[in-house]
C-alpha cells in the first residue's frame, strides 16, 4: 500500500507564530481561501507551490475544520 500524506501539523514552523495544519486542496482553492480570509488561510512553505493550504487552528471551529480535512482526504485517496 502506498503511503500518502493528507494532513501535516505545524507548531510555530520556523517561528511563524502559527499553530496550524497544512492540507492539499483542489486547483484554485488555495488562492480563493487565502483571498477570502488571509488571517485563517495561508500558503505554507514547501507544499504551498503544489496547492496545499495552511489553516490556523484557533481561527476555525471544529465542524469547518473537519470538512476541510475530509475534502483533503478525498482529494488524496480518491483522486
Protein backbone atom coordinates (compact mmCIF):
# COMPACT_ATOMS: atom_id res chain seq x y z
CA UNK A 1 0.00 0.00 0.00
CA UNK A 2 1.33 3.42 -0.95
CA UNK A 3 1.81 5.87 1.89
CA UNK A 4 0.01 9.18 1.44
CA UNK A 5 0.11 12.40 3.43
CA UNK A 6 -3.26 14.01 3.99
CA UNK A 7 -2.62 16.43 6.86
CA UNK A 8 0.55 17.91 8.31
CA UNK A 9 0.65 19.64 11.69
CA UNK A 10 2.84 22.71 12.13
CA UNK A 11 3.54 24.25 15.54
CA UNK A 12 5.21 27.63 15.07
CA UNK A 13 7.07 26.38 12.00
CA UNK A 14 10.27 28.42 11.62
CA UNK A 15 8.85 30.83 14.22
CA UNK A 16 5.91 31.88 12.04
CA UNK A 17 3.69 32.20 15.13
CA UNK A 18 1.04 29.81 13.84
CA UNK A 19 -0.35 26.56 15.19
CA UNK A 20 -1.79 25.16 12.01
CA UNK A 21 -2.40 22.26 9.70
CA UNK A 22 -1.39 22.03 6.07
CA UNK A 23 -3.70 20.15 3.70
CA UNK A 24 -3.89 19.56 -0.04
CA UNK A 25 -6.56 21.49 -1.91
CA UNK A 26 -8.01 21.23 -5.41
CA UNK A 27 -6.62 23.53 -8.09
CA UNK A 28 -7.62 27.15 -7.45
CA UNK A 29 -8.98 26.58 -3.95
CA UNK A 30 -5.81 27.68 -2.15
CA UNK A 31 -5.93 31.12 -3.77
CA UNK A 32 -9.66 31.51 -3.18
CA UNK A 33 -9.42 30.65 0.51
CA UNK A 34 -6.48 32.97 1.11
CA UNK A 35 -8.23 35.79 -0.75
CA UNK A 36 -11.40 35.21 1.29
CA UNK A 37 -9.68 35.09 4.72
CA UNK A 38 -5.92 35.66 4.85
CA UNK A 39 -5.88 35.51 8.66
CA UNK A 40 -7.15 31.92 8.68
CA UNK A 41 -5.68 30.53 5.45
CA UNK A 42 -2.13 30.84 4.11
CA UNK A 43 0.27 29.34 1.59
CA UNK A 44 2.54 27.00 3.55
CA UNK A 45 6.24 26.65 2.74
CA UNK A 46 7.42 23.70 0.66
CA UNK A 47 3.98 22.32 -0.25
CA UNK A 48 2.20 25.59 -0.98
CA UNK A 49 3.57 25.57 -4.51
CA UNK A 50 1.68 22.30 -5.04
CA UNK A 51 -1.64 23.82 -3.99
CA UNK A 52 -1.63 22.91 -0.32
CA UNK A 53 -3.23 25.40 2.05
CA UNK A 54 -2.43 26.20 5.67
CA UNK A 55 -5.21 26.64 8.21
CA UNK A 56 -4.62 28.44 11.52
CA UNK A 57 -6.32 26.19 14.05
CA UNK A 58 -7.56 28.77 16.54
CA UNK A 59 -9.35 30.66 13.76
CA UNK A 60 -11.67 27.82 12.73
CA UNK A 61 -14.35 25.79 14.50
CA UNK A 62 -14.19 22.01 14.64
CA UNK A 63 -17.00 21.40 12.14
CA UNK A 64 -15.44 23.57 9.42
CA UNK A 65 -12.01 22.06 10.11
CA UNK A 66 -13.48 18.56 9.78
CA UNK A 67 -14.91 19.45 6.37
CA UNK A 68 -11.55 20.77 5.12
CA UNK A 69 -9.77 17.62 6.32
CA UNK A 70 -12.46 15.41 4.77
CA UNK A 71 -12.01 17.22 1.44
CA UNK A 72 -8.23 16.75 1.65
CA UNK A 73 -8.69 13.06 2.38
CA UNK A 74 -10.98 12.62 -0.61
CA UNK A 75 -8.57 14.51 -2.86
CA UNK A 76 -5.67 12.20 -1.94
CA UNK A 77 -7.45 8.87 -1.52
CA UNK A 78 -9.97 9.23 -4.36
CA UNK A 79 -8.18 11.36 -6.97
